[in-house]
Amino acid sequence: QAAQARGISEVHVETDASQLVQALWSDDQDMTINDVIF
């Protein structure tokens, strides 16, 4: 949201949470407690 507000249109996010990467690149975490935010 901060990047978008600054007009940035190309981003590469780096995280130490492998489950987050998996959740955003697949549907594996759908229907879990964090589904809405994913």
ModelCIF file with pLDDT and N, C-alpha, C, O atoms, coordinates in Angstrom:
data_MODEL
#
_entry.id   MODEL 
#
_entity.id                         1 
_entity.type                       polymer 
_entity.pdbx_number_of_molecules   1 
#
_entity_poly.entity_id                      1 
_entity_poly.type                           'polypeptide(L)' 
_entity_poly.nstd_linkage                   no 
_entity_poly.nstd_monomer                   no 
_entity_poly.pdbx_seq_one_letter_code       QAAQARGISEVHVETDASQLVQALWSDDQDMTINDVIF 
_entity_poly.pdbx_seq_one_letter_code_can   QAAQARGISEVHVETDASQLVQALWSDDQDMTINDVIF 
_entity_poly.pdbx_strand_id                 A 
#
loop_
_entity_poly_seq.entity_id 
_entity_poly_seq.num 
_entity_poly_seq.mon_id 
_entity_poly_seq.hetero 
1 1  GLN n 
1 2  ALA n 
1 3  ALA n 
1 4  GLN n 
1 5  ALA n 
1 6  ARG n 
1 7  GLY n 
1 8  ILE n 
1 9  SER n 
1 10 GLU n 
1 11 VAL n 
1 12 HIS n 
1 13 VAL n 
1 14 GLU n 
1 15 THR n 
1 16 ASP n 
1 17 ALA n 
1 18 SER n 
1 19 GLN n 
1 20 LEU n 
1 21 VAL n 
1 22 GLN n 
1 23 ALA n 
1 24 LEU n 
1 25 TRP n 
1 26 SER n 
1 27 ASP n 
1 28 ASP n 
1 29 GLN n 
1 30 ASP n 
1 31 MET n 
1 32 THR n 
1 33 ILE n 
1 34 ASN n 
1 35 ASP n 
1 36 VAL n 
1 37 ILE n 
1 38 PHE n 
#
_struct_asym.id          A 
_struct_asym.entity_id   1 
#
loop_
_ma_qa_metric.id 
_ma_qa_metric.mode 
_ma_qa_metric.name 
_ma_qa_metric.software_group_id 
_ma_qa_metric.type 
1 global pLDDT . pLDDT 
2 local  pLDDT . pLDDT 
#
_ma_qa_metric_global.metric_id      1 
_ma_qa_metric_global.metric_value   93.08 
_ma_qa_metric_global.model_id       1 
_ma_qa_metric_global.ordinal_id     1 
#
loop_
_ma_qa_metric_local.label_asym_id 
_ma_qa_metric_local.label_comp_id 
_ma_qa_metric_local.label_seq_id 
_ma_qa_metric_local.metric_id 
_ma_qa_metric_local.metric_value 
_ma_qa_metric_local.model_id 
_ma_qa_metric_local.ordinal_id 
A GLN 1  2 98.00 1 1  
A ALA 2  2 97.00 1 2  
A ALA 3  2 97.00 1 3  
A GLN 4  2 98.00 1 4  
A ALA 5  2 97.00 1 5  
A ARG 6  2 96.00 1 6  
A GLY 7  2 96.00 1 7  
A ILE 8  2 96.00 1 8  
A SER 9  2 96.00 1 9  
A GLU 10 2 97.00 1 10 
A VAL 11 2 97.00 1 11 
A HIS 12 2 97.00 1 12 
A VAL 13 2 97.00 1 13 
A GLU 14 2 96.00 1 14 
A THR 15 2 97.00 1 15 
A ASP 16 2 95.00 1 16 
A ALA 17 2 96.00 1 17 
A SER 18 2 96.00 1 18 
A GLN 19 2 95.00 1 19 
A LEU 20 2 96.00 1 20 
A VAL 21 2 97.00 1 21 
A GLN 22 2 95.00 1 22 
A ALA 23 2 95.00 1 23 
A LEU 24 2 96.00 1 24 
A TRP 25 2 94.00 1 25 
A SER 26 2 91.00 1 26 
A ASP 27 2 87.00 1 27 
A ASP 28 2 81.00 1 28 
A GLN 29 2 76.00 1 29 
A ASP 30 2 77.00 1 30 
A MET 31 2 78.00 1 31 
A THR 32 2 86.00 1 32 
A ILE 33 2 88.00 1 33 
A ASN 34 2 91.00 1 34 
A ASP 35 2 93.00 1 35 
A VAL 36 2 93.00 1 36 
A ILE 37 2 94.00 1 37 
A PHE 38 2 95.00 1 38 
#
loop_
_atom_site.group_PDB 
_atom_site.id 
_atom_site.type_symbol 
_atom_site.label_atom_id 
_atom_site.label_alt_id 
_atom_site.label_comp_id 
_atom_site.label_asym_id 
_atom_site.label_entity_id 
_atom_site.label_seq_id 
_atom_site.pdbx_PDB_ins_code 
_atom_site.Cartn_x 
_atom_site.Cartn_y 
_atom_site.Cartn_z 
_atom_site.occupancy 
_atom_site.B_iso_or_equiv 
_atom_site.pdbx_formal_charge 
_atom_site.auth_seq_id 
_atom_site.auth_comp_id 
_atom_site.auth_asym_id 
_atom_site.auth_atom_id 
_atom_site.pdbx_PDB_model_num 
ATOM 1   N N  . GLN A 1 1  ? 0.832  -1.201  0.000   1.00 98.00 ? 1  GLN A N  1 
ATOM 2   C CA . GLN A 1 1  ? 0.000  0.000   0.000   1.00 98.00 ? 1  GLN A CA 1 
ATOM 3   C C  . GLN A 1 1  ? 0.868  1.254   0.000   1.00 98.00 ? 1  GLN A C  1 
ATOM 4   O O  . GLN A 1 1  ? 0.549  2.225   -0.685  1.00 98.00 ? 1  GLN A O  1 
ATOM 5   N N  . ALA A 1 2  ? 1.953  1.242   0.754   1.00 97.00 ? 2  ALA A N  1 
ATOM 6   C CA . ALA A 1 2  ? 2.872  2.378   0.777   1.00 97.00 ? 2  ALA A CA 1 
ATOM 7   C C  . ALA A 1 2  ? 3.538  2.569   -0.584  1.00 97.00 ? 2  ALA A C  1 
ATOM 8   O O  . ALA A 1 2  ? 3.682  3.699   -1.051  1.00 97.00 ? 2  ALA A O  1 
ATOM 9   N N  . ALA A 1 3  ? 3.941  1.477   -1.217  1.00 97.00 ? 3  ALA A N  1 
ATOM 10  C CA . ALA A 1 3  ? 4.564  1.559   -2.542  1.00 97.00 ? 3  ALA A CA 1 
ATOM 11  C C  . ALA A 1 3  ? 3.585  2.119   -3.567  1.00 97.00 ? 3  ALA A C  1 
ATOM 12  O O  . ALA A 1 3  ? 3.944  2.980   -4.371  1.00 97.00 ? 3  ALA A O  1 
ATOM 13  N N  . GLN A 1 4  ? 2.375  1.638   -3.539  1.00 98.00 ? 4  GLN A N  1 
ATOM 14  C CA . GLN A 1 4  ? 1.351  2.119   -4.479  1.00 98.00 ? 4  GLN A CA 1 
ATOM 15  C C  . GLN A 1 4  ? 1.061  3.597   -4.251  1.00 98.00 ? 4  GLN A C  1 
ATOM 16  O O  . GLN A 1 4  ? 0.889  4.345   -5.214  1.00 98.00 ? 4  GLN A O  1 
ATOM 17  N N  . ALA A 1 5  ? 1.004  4.026   -3.010  1.00 97.00 ? 5  ALA A N  1 
ATOM 18  C CA . ALA A 1 5  ? 0.737  5.431   -2.695  1.00 97.00 ? 5  ALA A CA 1 
ATOM 19  C C  . ALA A 1 5  ? 1.859  6.339   -3.195  1.00 97.00 ? 5  ALA A C  1 
ATOM 20  O O  . ALA A 1 5  ? 1.625  7.518   -3.459  1.00 97.00 ? 5  ALA A O  1 
ATOM 21  N N  . ARG A 1 6  ? 3.067  5.807   -3.327  1.00 96.00 ? 6  ARG A N  1 
ATOM 22  C CA . ARG A 1 6  ? 4.207  6.583   -3.825  1.00 96.00 ? 6  ARG A CA 1 
ATOM 23  C C  . ARG A 1 6  ? 4.364  6.469   -5.338  1.00 96.00 ? 6  ARG A C  1 
ATOM 24  O O  . ARG A 1 6  ? 5.326  6.987   -5.905  1.00 96.00 ? 6  ARG A O  1 
ATOM 25  N N  . GLY A 1 7  ? 3.418  5.792   -5.997  1.00 96.00 ? 7  GLY A N  1 
ATOM 26  C CA . GLY A 1 7  ? 3.457  5.683   -7.447  1.00 96.00 ? 7  GLY A CA 1 
ATOM 27  C C  . GLY A 1 7  ? 4.388  4.614   -7.977  1.00 96.00 ? 7  GLY A C  1 
ATOM 28  O O  . GLY A 1 7  ? 4.705  4.612   -9.166  1.00 96.00 ? 7  GLY A O  1 
ATOM 29  N N  . ILE A 1 8  ? 4.826  3.724   -7.142  1.00 96.00 ? 8  ILE A N  1 
ATOM 30  C CA . ILE A 1 8  ? 5.706  2.635   -7.564  1.00 96.00 ? 8  ILE A CA 1 
ATOM 31  C C  . ILE A 1 8  ? 4.851  1.573   -8.256  1.00 96.00 ? 8  ILE A C  1 
ATOM 32  O O  . ILE A 1 8  ? 3.819  1.161   -7.727  1.00 96.00 ? 8  ILE A O  1 
ATOM 33  N N  . SER A 1 9  ? 5.282  1.132   -9.440  1.00 96.00 ? 9  SER A N  1 
ATOM 34  C CA . SER A 1 9  ? 4.463  0.179   -10.194 1.00 96.00 ? 9  SER A CA 1 
ATOM 35  C C  . SER A 1 9  ? 5.124  -1.182  -10.399 1.00 96.00 ? 9  SER A C  1 
ATOM 36  O O  . SER A 1 9  ? 4.484  -2.107  -10.898 1.00 96.00 ? 9  SER A O  1 
ATOM 37  N N  . GLU A 1 10 ? 6.391  -1.318  -10.022 1.00 97.00 ? 10 GLU A N  1 
ATOM 38  C CA . GLU A 1 10 ? 7.091  -2.592  -10.178 1.00 97.00 ? 10 GLU A CA 1 
ATOM 39  C C  . GLU A 1 10 ? 7.812  -2.911  -8.878  1.00 97.00 ? 10 GLU A C  1 
ATOM 40  O O  . GLU A 1 10 ? 8.728  -2.194  -8.474  1.00 97.00 ? 10 GLU A O  1 
ATOM 41  N N  . VAL A 1 11 ? 7.387  -4.007  -8.217  1.00 97.00 ? 11 VAL A N  1 
ATOM 42  C CA . VAL A 1 11 ? 7.942  -4.349  -6.911  1.00 97.00 ? 11 VAL A CA 1 
ATOM 43  C C  . VAL A 1 11 ? 8.328  -5.816  -6.827  1.00 97.00 ? 11 VAL A C  1 
ATOM 44  O O  . VAL A 1 11 ? 7.720  -6.690  -7.445  1.00 97.00 ? 11 VAL A O  1 
ATOM 45  N N  . HIS A 1 12 ? 9.354  -6.042  -6.045  1.00 97.00 ? 12 HIS A N  1 
ATOM 46  C CA . HIS A 1 12 ? 9.807  -7.392  -5.714  1.00 97.00 ? 12 HIS A CA 1 
ATOM 47  C C  . HIS A 1 12 ? 9.887  -7.440  -4.195  1.00 97.00 ? 12 HIS A C  1 
ATOM 48  O O  . HIS A 1 12 ? 10.760 -6.811  -3.598  1.00 97.00 ? 12 HIS A O  1 
ATOM 49  N N  . VAL A 1 13 ? 8.992  -8.173  -3.575  1.00 97.00 ? 13 VAL A N  1 
ATOM 50  C CA . VAL A 1 13 ? 8.954  -8.288  -2.118  1.00 97.00 ? 13 VAL A CA 1 
ATOM 51  C C  . VAL A 1 13 ? 9.806  -9.474  -1.705  1.00 97.00 ? 13 VAL A C  1 
ATOM 52  O O  . VAL A 1 13 ? 9.751  -10.543 -2.315  1.00 97.00 ? 13 VAL A O  1 
ATOM 53  N N  . GLU A 1 14 ? 10.591 -9.268  -0.663  1.00 96.00 ? 14 GLU A N  1 
ATOM 54  C CA . GLU A 1 14 ? 11.432 -10.331 -0.123  1.00 96.00 ? 14 GLU A CA 1 
ATOM 55  C C  . GLU A 1 14 ? 11.042 -10.537 1.340   1.00 96.00 ? 14 GLU A C  1 
ATOM 56  O O  . GLU A 1 14 ? 10.965 -9.583  2.114   1.00 96.00 ? 14 GLU A O  1 
ATOM 57  N N  . THR A 1 15 ? 10.797 -11.805 1.709   1.00 97.00 ? 15 THR A N  1 
ATOM 58  C CA . THR A 1 15 ? 10.340 -12.140 3.054   1.00 97.00 ? 15 THR A CA 1 
ATOM 59  C C  . THR A 1 15 ? 11.048 -13.380 3.573   1.00 97.00 ? 15 THR A C  1 
ATOM 60  O O  . THR A 1 15 ? 11.538 -14.202 2.799   1.00 97.00 ? 15 THR A O  1 
ATOM 61  N N  . ASP A 1 16 ? 11.094 -13.502 4.891   1.00 95.00 ? 16 ASP A N  1 
ATOM 62  C CA . ASP A 1 16 ? 11.649 -14.718 5.492   1.00 95.00 ? 16 ASP A CA 1 
ATOM 63  C C  . ASP A 1 16 ? 10.546 -15.708 5.847   1.00 95.00 ? 16 ASP A C  1 
ATOM 64  O O  . ASP A 1 16 ? 10.788 -16.680 6.563   1.00 95.00 ? 16 ASP A O  1 
ATOM 65  N N  . ALA A 1 17 ? 9.340  -15.466 5.350   1.00 96.00 ? 17 ALA A N  1 
ATOM 66  C CA . ALA A 1 17 ? 8.192  -16.341 5.609   1.00 96.00 ? 17 ALA A CA 1 
ATOM 67  C C  . ALA A 1 17 ? 7.860  -17.139 4.351   1.00 96.00 ? 17 ALA A C  1 
ATOM 68  O O  . ALA A 1 17 ? 7.144  -16.656 3.473   1.00 96.00 ? 17 ALA A O  1 
ATOM 69  N N  . SER A 1 18 ? 8.374  -18.343 4.268   1.00 96.00 ? 18 SER A N  1 
ATOM 70  C CA . SER A 1 18 ? 8.139  -19.168 3.076   1.00 96.00 ? 18 SER A CA 1 
ATOM 71  C C  . SER A 1 18 ? 6.657  -19.494 2.892   1.00 96.00 ? 18 SER A C  1 
ATOM 72  O O  . SER A 1 18 ? 6.192  -19.653 1.763   1.00 96.00 ? 18 SER A O  1 
ATOM 73  N N  . GLN A 1 19 ? 5.913  -19.595 3.997   1.00 95.00 ? 19 GLN A N  1 
ATOM 74  C CA . GLN A 1 19 ? 4.474  -19.867 3.895   1.00 95.00 ? 19 GLN A CA 1 
ATOM 75  C C  . GLN A 1 19 ? 3.734  -18.719 3.222   1.00 95.00 ? 19 GLN A C  1 
ATOM 76  O O  . GLN A 1 19 ? 2.751  -18.953 2.520   1.00 95.00 ? 19 GLN A O  1 
ATOM 77  N N  . LEU A 1 20 ? 4.185  -17.491 3.420   1.00 96.00 ? 20 LEU A N  1 
ATOM 78  C CA . LEU A 1 20 ? 3.556  -16.355 2.763   1.00 96.00 ? 20 LEU A CA 1 
ATOM 79  C C  . LEU A 1 20 ? 3.787  -16.413 1.258   1.00 96.00 ? 20 LEU A C  1 
ATOM 80  O O  . LEU A 1 20 ? 2.870  -16.166 0.475   1.00 96.00 ? 20 LEU A O  1 
ATOM 81  N N  . VAL A 1 21 ? 4.987  -16.732 0.863   1.00 97.00 ? 21 VAL A N  1 
ATOM 82  C CA . VAL A 1 21 ? 5.300  -16.872 -0.569  1.00 97.00 ? 21 VAL A CA 1 
ATOM 83  C C  . VAL A 1 21 ? 4.405  -17.942 -1.176  1.00 97.00 ? 21 VAL A C  1 
ATOM 84  O O  . VAL A 1 21 ? 3.813  -17.731 -2.234  1.00 97.00 ? 21 VAL A O  1 
ATOM 85  N N  . GLN A 1 22 ? 4.305  -19.085 -0.512  1.00 95.00 ? 22 GLN A N  1 
ATOM 86  C CA . GLN A 1 22 ? 3.462  -20.178 -1.001  1.00 95.00 ? 22 GLN A CA 1 
ATOM 87  C C  . GLN A 1 22 ? 2.009  -19.742 -1.084  1.00 95.00 ? 22 GLN A C  1 
ATOM 88  O O  . GLN A 1 22 ? 1.324  -20.051 -2.059  1.00 95.00 ? 22 GLN A O  1 
ATOM 89  N N  . ALA A 1 23 ? 1.534  -19.034 -0.083  1.00 95.00 ? 23 ALA A N  1 
ATOM 90  C CA . ALA A 1 23 ? 0.127  -18.599 -0.050  1.00 95.00 ? 23 ALA A CA 1 
ATOM 91  C C  . ALA A 1 23 ? -0.191 -17.636 -1.179  1.00 95.00 ? 23 ALA A C  1 
ATOM 92  O O  . ALA A 1 23 ? -1.308 -17.647 -1.697  1.00 95.00 ? 23 ALA A O  1 
ATOM 93  N N  . LEU A 1 24 ? 0.775  -16.796 -1.577  1.00 96.00 ? 24 LEU A N  1 
ATOM 94  C CA . LEU A 1 24 ? 0.507  -15.809 -2.621  1.00 96.00 ? 24 LEU A CA 1 
ATOM 95  C C  . LEU A 1 24 ? 0.729  -16.337 -4.031  1.00 96.00 ? 24 LEU A C  1 
ATOM 96  O O  . LEU A 1 24 ? 0.233  -15.748 -4.991  1.00 96.00 ? 24 LEU A O  1 
ATOM 97  N N  . TRP A 1 25 ? 1.463  -17.431 -4.175  1.00 94.00 ? 25 TRP A N  1 
ATOM 98  C CA . TRP A 1 25 ? 1.700  -18.008 -5.495  1.00 94.00 ? 25 TRP A CA 1 
ATOM 99  C C  . TRP A 1 25 ? 0.846  -19.234 -5.777  1.00 94.00 ? 25 TRP A C  1 
ATOM 100 O O  . TRP A 1 25 ? 0.946  -19.827 -6.851  1.00 94.00 ? 25 TRP A O  1 
ATOM 101 N N  . SER A 1 26 ? 0.006  -19.620 -4.822  1.00 91.00 ? 26 SER A N  1 
ATOM 102 C CA . SER A 1 26 ? -0.843 -20.801 -5.031  1.00 91.00 ? 26 SER A CA 1 
ATOM 103 C C  . SER A 1 26 ? -2.155 -20.605 -4.289  1.00 91.00 ? 26 SER A C  1 
ATOM 104 O O  . SER A 1 26 ? -2.391 -19.573 -3.660  1.00 91.00 ? 26 SER A O  1 
ATOM 105 N N  . ASP A 1 27 ? -2.987 -21.608 -4.379  1.00 87.00 ? 27 ASP A N  1 
ATOM 106 C CA . ASP A 1 27 ? -4.250 -21.597 -3.650  1.00 87.00 ? 27 ASP A CA 1 
ATOM 107 C C  . ASP A 1 27 ? -4.190 -22.511 -2.430  1.00 87.00 ? 27 ASP A C  1 
ATOM 108 O O  . ASP A 1 27 ? -5.223 -22.824 -1.839  1.00 87.00 ? 27 ASP A O  1 
ATOM 109 N N  . ASP A 1 28 ? -2.989 -22.939 -2.050  1.00 81.00 ? 28 ASP A N  1 
ATOM 110 C CA . ASP A 1 28 ? -2.818 -23.887 -0.952  1.00 81.00 ? 28 ASP A CA 1 
ATOM 111 C C  . ASP A 1 28 ? -3.340 -23.380 0.389   1.00 81.00 ? 28 ASP A C  1 
ATOM 112 O O  . ASP A 1 28 ? -3.763 -24.173 1.231   1.00 81.00 ? 28 ASP A O  1 
ATOM 113 N N  . GLN A 1 29 ? -3.313 -22.076 0.589   1.00 76.00 ? 29 GLN A N  1 
ATOM 114 C CA . GLN A 1 29 ? -3.746 -21.509 1.875   1.00 76.00 ? 29 GLN A CA 1 
ATOM 115 C C  . GLN A 1 29 ? -5.178 -20.976 1.835   1.00 76.00 ? 29 GLN A C  1 
ATOM 116 O O  . GLN A 1 29 ? -5.654 -20.374 2.798   1.00 76.00 ? 29 GLN A O  1 
ATOM 117 N N  . ASP A 1 30 ? -5.863 -21.205 0.704   1.00 77.00 ? 30 ASP A N  1 
ATOM 118 C CA . ASP A 1 30 ? -7.270 -20.810 0.642   1.00 77.00 ? 30 ASP A CA 1 
ATOM 119 C C  . ASP A 1 30 ? -8.064 -21.612 1.671   1.00 77.00 ? 30 ASP A C  1 
ATOM 120 O O  . ASP A 1 30 ? -7.765 -22.775 1.942   1.00 77.00 ? 30 ASP A O  1 
ATOM 121 N N  . MET A 1 31 ? -9.054 -20.980 2.221   1.00 78.00 ? 31 MET A N  1 
ATOM 122 C CA . MET A 1 31 ? -9.926 -21.595 3.226   1.00 78.00 ? 31 MET A CA 1 
ATOM 123 C C  . MET A 1 31 ? -9.204 -21.809 4.561   1.00 78.00 ? 31 MET A C  1 
ATOM 124 O O  . MET A 1 31 ? -9.613 -22.654 5.357   1.00 78.00 ? 31 MET A O  1 
ATOM 125 N N  . THR A 1 32 ? -8.146 -21.057 4.804   1.00 86.00 ? 32 THR A N  1 
ATOM 126 C CA . THR A 1 32 ? -7.481 -21.084 6.101   1.00 86.00 ? 32 THR A CA 1 
ATOM 127 C C  . THR A 1 32 ? -7.831 -19.802 6.849   1.00 86.00 ? 32 THR A C  1 
ATOM 128 O O  . THR A 1 32 ? -8.518 -18.933 6.312   1.00 86.00 ? 32 THR A O  1 
ATOM 129 N N  . ILE A 1 33 ? -7.367 -19.688 8.070   1.00 88.00 ? 33 ILE A N  1 
ATOM 130 C CA . ILE A 1 33 ? -7.696 -18.535 8.895   1.00 88.00 ? 33 ILE A CA 1 
ATOM 131 C C  . ILE A 1 33 ? -7.211 -17.214 8.282   1.00 88.00 ? 33 ILE A C  1 
ATOM 132 O O  . ILE A 1 33 ? -7.809 -16.166 8.525   1.00 88.00 ? 33 ILE A O  1 
ATOM 133 N N  . ASN A 1 34 ? -6.133 -17.258 7.488   1.00 91.00 ? 34 ASN A N  1 
ATOM 134 C CA . ASN A 1 34 ? -5.576 -16.051 6.883   1.00 91.00 ? 34 ASN A CA 1 
ATOM 135 C C  . ASN A 1 34 ? -5.987 -15.846 5.426   1.00 91.00 ? 34 ASN A C  1 
ATOM 136 O O  . ASN A 1 34 ? -5.433 -14.985 4.742   1.00 91.00 ? 34 ASN A O  1 
ATOM 137 N N  . ASP A 1 35 ? -6.937 -16.614 4.955   1.00 93.00 ? 35 ASP A N  1 
ATOM 138 C CA . ASP A 1 35 ? -7.358 -16.580 3.560   1.00 93.00 ? 35 ASP A CA 1 
ATOM 139 C C  . ASP A 1 35 ? -7.737 -15.182 3.080   1.00 93.00 ? 35 ASP A C  1 
ATOM 140 O O  . ASP A 1 35 ? -7.371 -14.793 1.971   1.00 93.00 ? 35 ASP A O  1 
ATOM 141 N N  . VAL A 1 36 ? -8.457 -14.430 3.889   1.00 93.00 ? 36 VAL A N  1 
ATOM 142 C CA . VAL A 1 36 ? -8.950 -13.119 3.456   1.00 93.00 ? 36 VAL A CA 1 
ATOM 143 C C  . VAL A 1 36 ? -7.792 -12.163 3.168   1.00 93.00 ? 36 VAL A C  1 
ATOM 144 O O  . VAL A 1 36 ? -7.808 -11.459 2.158   1.00 93.00 ? 36 VAL A O  1 
ATOM 145 N N  . ILE A 1 37 ? -6.808 -12.135 4.031   1.00 94.00 ? 37 ILE A N  1 
ATOM 146 C CA . ILE A 1 37 ? -5.685 -11.214 3.782   1.00 94.00 ? 37 ILE A CA 1 
ATOM 147 C C  . ILE A 1 37 ? -4.845 -11.673 2.596   1.00 94.00 ? 37 ILE A C  1 
ATOM 148 O O  . ILE A 1 37 ? -4.328 -10.837 1.856   1.00 94.00 ? 37 ILE A O  1 
ATOM 149 N N  . PHE A 1 38 ? -4.697 -12.978 2.397   1.00 95.00 ? 38 PHE A N  1 
ATOM 150 C CA . PHE A 1 38 ? -3.963 -13.465 1.226   1.00 95.00 ? 38 PHE A CA 1 
ATOM 151 C C  . PHE A 1 38 ? -4.676 -13.016 -0.050  1.00 95.00 ? 38 PHE A C  1 
ATOM 152 O O  . PHE A 1 38 ? -4.221 -13.322 -1.152  1.00 95.00 ? 38 PHE A O  1 
#
